Protein backbone atom coordinates (compact mmCIF):
# COMPACT_ATOMS: atom_id res chain seq x y z
CA SER A 1 -0.12 0.33 -0.36
CA LEU A 2 3.30 2.40 0.03
CA SER A 3 3.41 5.01 -2.83
CA VAL A 4 6.62 6.83 -4.44
CA GLY A 5 6.85 10.04 -1.53
CA GLU A 6 5.48 8.50 0.95
CA VAL A 7 7.18 9.83 4.35
CA GLY A 8 8.14 6.72 7.21
CA TRP A 9 10.49 5.97 10.06
CA VAL A 10 12.35 2.77 9.13
CA PRO A 11 15.23 0.87 11.66
CA TRP A 12 18.86 2.26 11.31
CA ARG A 13 21.59 0.34 13.01
CA ASN A 14 20.48 1.11 17.18
CA HIS A 15 18.08 3.74 15.62
CA ILE A 16 15.03 4.85 13.82
CA ILE A 17 15.55 7.61 11.18
CA ILE A 18 13.32 9.51 8.45
CA GLY A 19 12.67 8.03 4.79
CA VAL A 20 11.13 8.39 2.02
CA VAL A 21 10.26 5.58 -0.20
CA ALA A 22 11.69 6.75 -3.48
CA ALA A 23 11.07 3.56 -5.88
CA LEU A 24 8.70 0.32 -5.57
CA ASP A 25 9.32 -3.48 -6.61
CA CYS A 26 12.83 -3.26 -5.51
CA ALA A 27 14.80 -6.39 -5.66
CA PRO A 28 15.31 -7.73 -2.20
CA PHE A 29 18.52 -8.03 -0.24
CA ALA A 30 19.31 -9.66 3.03
CA ARG A 31 20.04 -6.82 5.45
CA ALA A 32 16.71 -4.47 4.21
CA LYS A 33 14.76 -3.22 6.97
CA LEU A 34 11.56 -2.90 7.34
CA ILE A 35 9.30 0.05 7.01
CA THR A 36 7.82 0.64 10.98
CA ILE A 37 6.15 3.90 11.25
CA THR A 38 3.86 5.79 8.52
CA THR A 39 3.87 9.65 8.87
CA GLY A 40 0.90 9.62 6.88
CA THR A 41 2.79 12.89 5.05
CA MET A 42 2.87 12.09 1.29
CA ILE A 43 5.88 14.02 -1.35
CA PRO A 44 3.70 15.51 -4.32
CA ALA A 45 4.81 13.83 -6.98
CA ALA A 46 5.83 17.14 -8.79
CA TYR A 47 7.68 18.48 -5.35
CA TRP A 48 9.60 15.03 -5.62
CA ARG A 49 10.61 15.52 -9.21
CA TRP A 50 12.07 19.01 -8.45
CA LEU A 51 14.25 17.09 -5.64
CA GLN A 52 15.15 14.69 -7.94
CA TRP A 53 16.58 17.88 -10.08
CA PHE A 54 17.92 19.60 -7.42
CA ALA A 55 20.09 16.89 -6.52
CA ASP A 56 21.14 16.39 -9.92
CA PHE A 57 21.41 20.16 -10.94
CA TYR A 58 23.79 20.68 -7.63
CA TYR A 59 25.45 17.66 -7.50
CA ILE A 60 24.76 16.42 -4.19
CA SER A 61 23.07 12.74 -3.43
CA GLN A 62 19.40 12.10 -2.91
CA ALA A 63 19.69 11.84 0.85
CA ALA A 64 21.76 15.15 1.31
CA ALA A 65 19.09 17.08 -1.22
CA LEU A 66 15.96 15.39 1.34
CA LEU A 67 17.89 16.86 4.04
CA ALA A 68 18.31 20.25 2.86
CA ALA A 69 14.66 20.55 1.75
CA LEU A 70 12.52 18.68 4.38
CA PRO A 71 11.46 20.52 7.52
CA THR A 72 13.23 19.76 11.13
CA TRP A 73 10.13 18.93 12.59
CA LEU A 74 9.20 15.94 9.66
CA LYS A 75 12.79 14.69 10.30
CA ARG A 76 12.39 14.99 14.25
CA GLN A 77 9.13 13.43 14.97
CA THR A 78 6.18 11.77 13.89
CA SER A 79 3.33 13.85 15.04
CA SER A 80 1.49 15.45 11.66
CA SER A 81 -0.59 18.11 13.33
CA VAL A 82 -0.24 21.80 12.38
CA ASN A 83 -0.70 24.55 14.75
CA LEU A 84 -0.30 28.14 12.54
CA PRO A 85 2.34 30.86 14.49
CA LEU A 86 1.00 33.16 15.49
CA GLN A 87 1.77 37.02 13.74
CA PRO A 88 1.94 39.96 15.51
CA ASN A 89 -0.65 42.63 13.89
CA ILE A 90 1.69 44.82 12.12
CA THR A 91 0.06 47.52 9.85
CA LYS A 92 2.46 50.14 7.85
CA SER A 93 0.63 52.69 5.75
CA LEU A 94 0.49 51.93 1.96
CA LEU A 95 1.75 54.80 -0.52
CA ARG A 96 -0.94 56.45 -2.32
CA LEU A 97 -0.96 56.19 -6.31
CA SER A 98 -2.55 58.50 -8.67
CA PRO A 99 -5.31 57.86 -10.64
CA ALA A 100 -2.69 57.66 -14.09
CA ARG A 101 -0.44 55.03 -11.64
CA VAL A 102 -3.22 52.70 -10.59
CA GLN A 103 -4.58 52.23 -14.29
CA VAL A 104 -1.03 51.27 -14.99
CA VAL A 105 -0.61 48.43 -12.39
CA GLN A 106 -4.16 47.47 -13.31
CA THR A 107 -2.82 47.04 -16.46
CA VAL A 108 -0.31 44.88 -15.58
CA VAL A 109 -1.97 42.71 -12.81
CA ALA A 110 -3.93 42.00 -15.50
CA ASP A 111 -1.28 41.10 -18.06
CA LEU A 112 0.12 38.84 -14.96
CA HIS A 113 -3.36 36.77 -14.68
CA GLN A 114 -3.01 36.21 -18.71
CA GLN A 115 0.71 35.36 -18.67
CA THR A 116 1.66 31.88 -18.44
CA GLN A 117 5.55 31.78 -19.00
CA PRO A 118 7.68 33.53 -15.95
CA THR A 119 7.34 37.12 -16.05
CA THR A 120 9.91 39.69 -14.64
CA VAL A 121 8.37 43.15 -13.95
CA LEU A 122 10.79 46.13 -13.54
CA TYR A 123 10.64 48.76 -11.17
CA GLN A 124 11.62 51.47 -9.84
CA GLY A 125 9.68 52.12 -6.47
CA SER A 126 8.64 49.74 -4.06
CA GLN A 127 5.11 50.97 -3.95
CA ASP A 128 3.97 50.04 -7.59
CA CYS A 129 5.12 46.22 -6.32
CA VAL A 130 3.22 46.33 -3.23
CA ALA A 131 -0.11 47.65 -5.46
CA ILE A 132 0.50 44.64 -8.06
CA MET A 133 1.05 42.35 -5.13
CA HIS A 134 -2.38 44.02 -3.80
CA GLY A 135 -3.89 43.35 -6.73
CA LEU A 136 -2.52 39.62 -6.90
CA LEU A 137 -3.77 38.94 -3.69
CA GLN A 138 -7.52 39.55 -4.50
CA GLN A 139 -8.63 36.72 -5.29
CA PRO A 140 -5.93 33.34 -4.56
CA SER A 141 -6.42 30.41 -6.06
CA GLY A 142 -4.34 28.89 -3.54
CA PRO A 143 -0.92 29.74 -1.44
CA VAL A 144 1.01 32.02 -2.58
CA VAL A 145 4.52 32.50 -1.97
CA LEU A 146 6.47 35.94 -1.63
CA ILE A 147 10.68 35.59 -0.79
CA SER A 148 12.38 38.30 -0.17
CA PRO A 149 16.27 38.89 -0.07
CA GLU A 150 16.75 39.90 3.53
CA THR A 151 14.53 39.43 6.93
CA ASP A 152 14.58 43.32 6.81
CA ASP A 153 12.47 42.99 3.69
CA VAL A 154 10.65 40.23 4.91
CA GLU A 155 9.46 42.89 8.00
CA ARG A 156 8.50 45.71 6.09
CA TRP A 157 6.39 43.45 3.50
CA ARG A 158 4.80 41.76 6.19
CA GLY A 159 3.23 45.26 7.33
CA TRP A 160 2.38 46.41 3.91
CA LEU A 161 0.46 42.85 3.19
CA ALA A 162 -0.81 42.74 6.86
CA LYS A 163 -4.57 42.86 5.37
CA PHE A 164 -4.41 39.17 4.34
CA LYS A 165 -2.64 38.02 7.16
CA PRO A 166 0.26 36.74 6.06
CA VAL A 167 2.82 33.76 7.43
CA VAL A 168 6.16 34.50 8.17
CA VAL A 169 8.63 31.55 7.16
CA GLU A 170 11.73 31.73 9.51
CA ALA A 171 14.47 29.39 8.85
CA LYS A 172 15.15 28.95 12.81
CA ARG A 173 11.76 28.54 14.07
CA ALA A 174 10.58 25.36 13.24
CA SER A 175 6.81 26.13 13.33
CA THR A 176 6.63 28.57 10.86
CA VAL A 177 8.62 26.23 8.49
CA ARG A 178 5.81 23.67 9.26
CA ALA A 179 2.87 26.06 9.07
CA ALA A 180 3.75 27.12 5.36
CA TRP A 181 4.30 22.89 4.63
CA SER A 182 1.28 22.19 5.56
CA LEU A 183 -0.56 25.59 3.93
CA LEU A 184 1.02 23.95 0.57
CA LEU A 185 0.21 20.43 0.70
CA GLN A 186 -3.31 21.80 1.57
CA SER A 187 -3.50 24.09 -1.18
CA SER A 188 -5.30 26.68 1.10
CA PRO A 189 -5.62 29.97 -0.04
CA SER A 190 -2.96 31.93 2.38
CA LEU A 191 0.05 34.28 1.62
CA MET A 192 3.56 33.08 3.20
CA ILE A 193 6.52 35.28 2.99
CA GLY A 194 10.31 34.76 3.94
CA THR A 195 13.89 34.19 2.38
CA LYS A 196 15.92 31.30 0.70
CA ARG A 197 14.54 28.57 3.18
CA LEU A 198 10.90 28.85 1.46
CA ALA A 199 12.67 28.26 -1.48
CA LEU A 200 13.20 24.61 -0.65
CA LEU A 201 9.40 23.65 0.54
CA PRO A 202 6.99 22.23 -1.81
CA LEU A 203 6.46 25.01 -3.87
CA THR A 204 5.34 23.05 -6.80
CA GLN A 205 1.89 23.32 -5.14
CA ALA A 206 1.72 26.87 -4.85
CA ALA A 207 -0.95 29.14 -6.93
CA ARG A 208 1.95 31.99 -7.53
CA ILE A 209 5.58 32.34 -6.86
CA CYS A 210 6.79 35.97 -6.20
CA LEU A 211 10.59 36.69 -6.19
CA LEU A 212 11.60 39.92 -4.94
CA ASP A 213 14.77 41.11 -6.19
CA PRO A 214 16.21 38.37 -7.98
CA GLU A 215 19.56 40.23 -8.86
CA HIS A 216 20.38 40.60 -4.94
CA SER A 217 23.73 38.97 -3.68
CA ALA A 218 21.69 37.62 -0.61
CA HIS A 219 19.24 34.97 -3.02
CA LYS A 220 22.65 33.05 -3.00
CA GLN A 221 22.93 30.34 -0.48
CA TRP A 222 26.75 31.04 0.45
CA GLU A 223 26.98 29.54 3.93
CA MET A 224 25.90 25.71 3.55
CA ASN A 225 25.98 22.99 0.84
CA PRO A 226 24.42 22.50 -1.55
CA ARG A 227 25.09 26.49 -2.01
CA TYR A 228 22.01 27.45 -4.07
CA HIS A 229 20.62 30.20 -6.02
CA VAL A 230 17.20 30.64 -5.22
CA TRP A 231 15.87 32.24 -8.80
CA ARG A 232 17.25 28.88 -10.29
CA VAL A 233 15.33 26.92 -7.75
CA VAL A 234 12.19 28.61 -8.12
CA SER A 235 12.31 28.67 -11.48
CA GLU A 236 12.40 24.88 -11.47
CA HIS A 237 9.44 24.55 -9.29
CA SER A 238 7.33 26.96 -11.42
CA ARG A 239 8.42 24.61 -14.01
CA LEU A 240 7.59 21.25 -12.99
CA GLY A 241 4.54 22.20 -11.14
CA GLN A 242 3.07 24.74 -13.91
CA VAL A 243 2.67 27.47 -11.19
CA PRO A 244 3.18 30.99 -12.33
CA LEU A 245 6.17 33.11 -11.09
CA THR A 246 6.40 36.77 -10.97
CA CYS A 247 10.25 38.35 -10.41
CA PHE A 248 10.33 42.13 -9.31
CA SER A 249 13.21 43.28 -10.65
CA GLN A 250 15.03 46.42 -10.62
CA ALA A 251 18.05 44.76 -13.11
CA PRO A 252 17.38 42.17 -13.82
CA ARG A 253 19.65 39.02 -14.29
CA LEU A 254 21.04 37.88 -18.04
CA GLU A 255 18.76 34.57 -17.45
CA GLN A 256 15.33 36.34 -16.54
CA VAL A 257 16.19 38.87 -19.94
CA GLN A 258 16.75 35.79 -22.22
CA SER A 259 13.85 33.42 -20.53
CA ASP A 260 11.31 35.92 -19.01
CA HIS A 261 8.35 38.13 -20.16
CA ILE A 262 9.95 41.35 -19.66
CA VAL A 263 7.25 43.92 -18.21
CA THR A 264 8.12 47.99 -18.25
CA MET A 265 5.01 49.68 -17.90
CA LEU A 266 6.11 50.68 -14.76
CA LEU A 267 9.40 52.23 -15.47
CA LYS A 268 9.37 56.25 -15.58
CA PRO A 269 12.27 58.18 -16.78
CA THR A 270 10.99 61.21 -15.29
CA ALA A 271 11.93 59.90 -11.70
CA MET A 272 15.06 58.61 -12.65
CA ALA A 273 18.01 60.21 -10.44
CA THR A 274 19.88 62.96 -12.06
CA LEU A 275 23.71 61.48 -13.03
CA ILE A 276 26.59 63.20 -12.54
CA THR A 277 30.14 61.72 -13.41
CA ILE A 278 33.28 63.42 -11.49
CA VAL A 279 36.71 62.23 -12.80
CA PRO A 280 39.12 61.06 -10.46
CA THR A 281 42.30 63.55 -10.06
CA ALA A 282 45.35 61.54 -10.49
CA GLY A 283 47.87 61.20 -8.10
CA ALA A 284 44.59 62.06 -5.35
CA TYR A 285 42.39 59.88 -4.04
CA LEU A 286 39.53 62.37 -2.93
CA SER A 287 39.39 64.69 -6.18
CA PRO A 288 38.31 68.40 -5.45
CA SER A 289 35.37 68.18 -7.44
CA LEU A 290 34.17 65.54 -5.11
CA VAL A 291 35.15 66.61 -1.91
CA GLU A 292 32.96 69.88 -3.66
CA ALA A 293 30.34 67.92 -4.05
CA ILE A 294 29.82 66.12 -0.67
CA GLU A 295 29.65 69.63 0.86
CA GLN A 296 26.91 71.04 -1.26
CA HIS A 297 24.72 68.60 0.15
CA GLU A 298 23.61 67.73 4.19
CA ARG A 299 23.32 64.68 4.11
CA VAL A 300 24.96 62.11 1.51
CA VAL A 301 25.81 58.53 1.43
CA ILE A 302 28.70 57.45 0.06
CA TRP A 303 28.38 53.90 -1.55
CA HIS A 304 31.78 51.72 -1.62
CA ASN A 305 31.61 48.38 -2.43
CA ARG A 306 34.88 47.47 -1.20
CA THR A 307 36.77 46.24 1.08
CA GLY A 308 40.56 46.33 2.24
CA LEU A 309 42.62 47.57 0.06
CA ALA A 310 40.92 47.11 -3.51
CA ARG A 311 43.43 48.38 -5.38
CA PHE A 312 43.19 47.98 -9.43
CA ALA A 313 45.67 49.15 -12.32
CA ILE A 314 44.29 52.07 -14.68
CA CYS A 315 45.67 52.54 -18.30
CA GLN A 316 46.63 56.11 -18.56
CA HIS A 317 46.71 55.77 -22.74
CA CYS A 318 43.20 53.99 -23.03
CA GLN A 319 41.60 53.78 -19.89
CA TYR A 320 41.62 50.09 -19.70
CA LEU A 321 41.09 48.39 -15.82
CA SER A 322 42.62 45.82 -14.87
CA SER A 323 42.50 43.90 -11.76
CA ASP A 324 46.00 42.61 -11.49
CA VAL A 325 48.38 45.17 -10.18
CA SER A 326 51.74 43.92 -11.58
CA ILE A 327 50.61 44.26 -14.68
CA ALA A 328 53.09 45.53 -17.16
CA SER A 329 52.03 46.07 -20.89
CA CYS A 330 48.04 47.43 -21.68
CA PRO A 331 46.34 43.75 -23.63
CA ARG A 332 44.37 46.90 -25.67
CA CYS A 333 46.79 49.56 -26.76
CA GLN A 334 50.22 47.37 -25.86
CA THR A 335 51.27 50.51 -24.13
CA HIS A 336 53.11 50.37 -20.95
CA SER A 337 51.84 53.53 -19.18
CA PHE A 338 49.69 51.90 -16.13
CA ARG A 339 49.16 53.50 -12.73
CA LEU A 340 47.54 52.30 -9.88
CA ALA A 341 44.19 53.33 -8.27
CA GLY A 342 41.47 52.36 -6.01
CA PHE A 343 40.80 52.15 -1.79
CA GLY A 344 38.71 50.26 0.46
CA THR A 345 36.75 51.13 3.19
CA ALA A 346 38.40 51.70 5.68
CA MET A 347 41.03 54.05 4.02
CA LEU A 348 37.95 55.87 2.54
CA LYS A 349 36.99 56.47 6.31
CA ARG A 350 40.03 58.01 7.13
CA LEU A 351 39.92 60.04 4.61
CA LEU A 352 37.05 61.23 4.74
CA HIS A 353 37.69 62.31 8.68
CA GLU A 354 40.27 64.32 7.56
CA GLN A 355 38.86 65.95 4.72
CA PHE A 356 35.94 66.77 7.05
CA PRO A 357 36.73 66.31 10.57
CA ASP A 358 33.44 68.28 11.64
CA HIS A 359 30.68 65.84 10.04
CA GLN A 360 29.30 62.84 11.66
CA ILE A 361 30.59 60.22 9.24
CA ILE A 362 28.78 56.20 9.87
CA GLU A 363 30.10 53.29 8.85
CA VAL A 364 27.10 50.92 7.73
CA THR A 365 27.49 47.44 7.98
CA ALA A 366 25.29 44.35 8.15
CA GLN A 367 25.61 44.32 12.31
CA LEU A 368 24.51 48.14 12.34
CA ALA A 369 20.71 49.30 11.93
CA VAL A 370 19.99 53.05 11.73
CA ASN A 371 17.09 52.75 10.49
CA HIS A 372 15.66 54.55 13.82
CA LEU A 373 18.75 57.09 13.94
CA THR A 374 18.61 60.77 13.70
CA ILE A 375 20.73 61.35 10.50
CA ALA A 376 21.70 65.15 11.17
CA PRO A 377 22.50 67.56 8.69
CA GLY A 378 26.19 67.00 8.21
CA THR A 379 26.36 62.77 7.96
CA ILE A 380 27.84 61.24 5.86
CA LEU A 381 27.23 57.36 5.41
CA ILE A 382 29.38 54.64 4.02
CA GLY A 383 29.10 51.72 3.31
CA THR A 384 28.44 48.74 0.98
CA ASN A 385 25.26 46.48 -0.38
CA ALA A 386 24.54 46.84 3.47
CA LEU A 387 23.46 50.82 3.06
CA PHE A 388 20.33 49.50 0.72
CA ALA A 389 18.27 48.05 3.68
CA ARG A 390 19.42 49.50 6.55
CA ILE A 391 18.91 53.26 6.09
CA PRO A 392 16.05 55.42 5.25
CA TRP A 393 16.71 56.87 2.13
CA SER A 394 14.02 58.80 2.32
CA LYS A 395 16.33 61.19 4.67
CA VAL A 396 18.84 61.14 2.12
CA ASP A 397 20.02 64.09 -0.21
CA VAL A 398 22.75 62.72 -2.72
CA ALA A 399 24.41 59.45 -2.94
CA ILE A 400 27.87 58.79 -4.46
CA ALA A 401 29.51 55.58 -5.89
CA THR A 402 33.09 55.70 -5.51
CA SER A 403 34.07 52.08 -6.08
CA VAL A 404 32.80 52.08 -9.55
CA ASP A 405 35.95 51.06 -11.39
CA SER A 406 36.88 48.73 -8.86
CA GLN A 407 34.09 46.59 -9.48
CA LEU A 408 34.17 47.36 -13.73
CA ALA A 409 38.04 45.87 -12.96
CA TYR A 410 37.43 43.04 -11.20
CA PRO A 411 37.95 39.52 -12.86
CA GLY A 412 34.57 37.80 -12.79
CA PHE A 413 32.59 36.93 -16.11
CA ARG A 414 29.36 38.78 -13.90
CA SER A 415 31.36 41.58 -13.00
CA HIS A 416 30.22 44.03 -15.22
CA GLU A 417 25.88 42.59 -14.85
CA GLU A 418 26.68 43.09 -11.07
CA THR A 419 27.83 46.66 -10.99
CA LEU A 420 24.79 47.81 -13.42
CA GLN A 421 22.58 46.10 -11.45
CA GLN A 422 23.98 47.38 -7.92
CA LEU A 423 23.73 51.14 -9.64
CA VAL A 424 20.20 50.94 -10.72
CA ARG A 425 19.52 49.84 -7.10
CA LEU A 426 21.30 52.69 -5.81
CA ARG A 427 19.72 55.26 -8.41
CA ASN A 428 16.48 54.34 -7.94
CA GLN A 429 17.47 55.40 -4.20
CA VAL A 430 18.11 58.67 -4.59
CA PRO A 431 17.35 61.71 -6.62
CA LYS A 432 21.03 62.68 -7.57
CA LEU A 433 23.93 60.30 -8.52
CA TYR A 434 27.39 60.99 -8.16
CA LEU A 435 29.30 58.31 -10.75
CA TYR A 436 33.52 58.74 -10.05
CA THR A 437 35.05 56.82 -12.63
CA HIS A 438 38.20 57.46 -14.38
CA VAL A 439 35.78 55.60 -17.55
CA PRO A 440 32.48 57.49 -18.17
CA GLU A 441 32.30 55.88 -21.64
CA HIS A 442 31.89 52.40 -20.14
CA PRO A 443 28.97 50.86 -21.60
CA VAL A 444 27.87 49.89 -17.90
CA ILE A 445 28.36 53.51 -17.67
CA GLN A 446 26.08 54.23 -20.59
CA ALA A 447 23.36 51.88 -19.66
CA LEU A 448 22.78 53.09 -16.47
CA GLN A 449 21.26 56.30 -18.22
CA GLN A 450 18.39 54.37 -19.88
CA PRO A 451 15.05 52.99 -17.31
CA TYR A 452 15.89 49.95 -19.04
CA ALA A 453 19.21 48.95 -20.60
CA ALA A 454 17.53 46.76 -23.06
CA ALA A 455 20.98 47.41 -25.89
CA TRP A 456 23.55 46.45 -22.93
CA TYR A 457 21.71 43.41 -22.00
CA GLN A 458 21.48 42.13 -25.93
CA ALA A 459 25.30 42.59 -26.17
CA ALA A 460 26.06 40.97 -23.37
CA LEU A 461 23.65 37.92 -23.91
């Protein structure tokens, strides 16, 4: 009476461990053990195919895939009863949209309901995404899953979507994972919000999967094996389970441009930040033009996504960038006129203290949250990508990107793509953006001038 995908308990040496039926009518062998208890839990067929794909794609065993994906409560106890966790009543006012903007959002929602292939919606402000989610959740036919890159974003979205009573799934709280697992298997109309851990649950049973900012580095699992990427994982959930996949992106990944239906209706050229290029002065870390730009504004964010020394070499003849500081000749123009440039956040902080002794200089890290701090006039915030989710951008006057060249010179095949993605996110946060770069004619810098850099994406593909 057993079926493939049924979860049970089997004897293993002196213990009883969890197991999943992988095949039937196998040839018997002498040391085979009988299943002692069945949990009553069945892994859906589409999810079982996804687990096999997960093991094959990331070169791990099926056992390792099961251990990574199955909830802890399922691996440790036989009880199948589920109690939904109580969520605090969080409310946050939704930004009001103009009538014209409401009409655009309604058109996008209608398009999403009709699309059968994965869709990427390009946006500039979170309020449009919130309005679209409200439209998609009006009449859900089953579980709707919203995956966010960071826990700070999860809290904000829980407030914005509080009227739908979302279940927040936290990897460290087994009860929340257990609740999401149950809702997915029961196909109950509901809303689940979480980060990477949510991507491993049986999303093949969801009614819709929504993914925020697939290009965000936090969507990649770095800390444990398998080191999966959320976009790749949920795309396979969508394909095997025939579940609509909607991505909200500011600057999509190349894979999305190649495979997804791209919606650009939300982009407004008039809402883009004013871009100003500052060319560094030879022999000076902070050029006079950069110092003057900082002095002109009261609350400044300096985005420097490089720590340590972050040195690179630049050809003084053709402006070729290289991460190899020992390079002798330029591969582009064959000259020997290289000079060193670049610096990290530690040196940047020291230079700013010397140049602006009366200013408050705050280095924003992943461990420092400044959302509730008063950013007084004369404050300079510096940091890497931790800036995006941890500061009140509405109080910022201007942003300055000082590590553009270091990132463009980085020897990674995605370095240009990731630099464009990060600069677009920065551009969408502020009314004015300064780019501190030796190469203002670089294709990435030119692509930043457009709401959607379609030509750059096609060239990169």
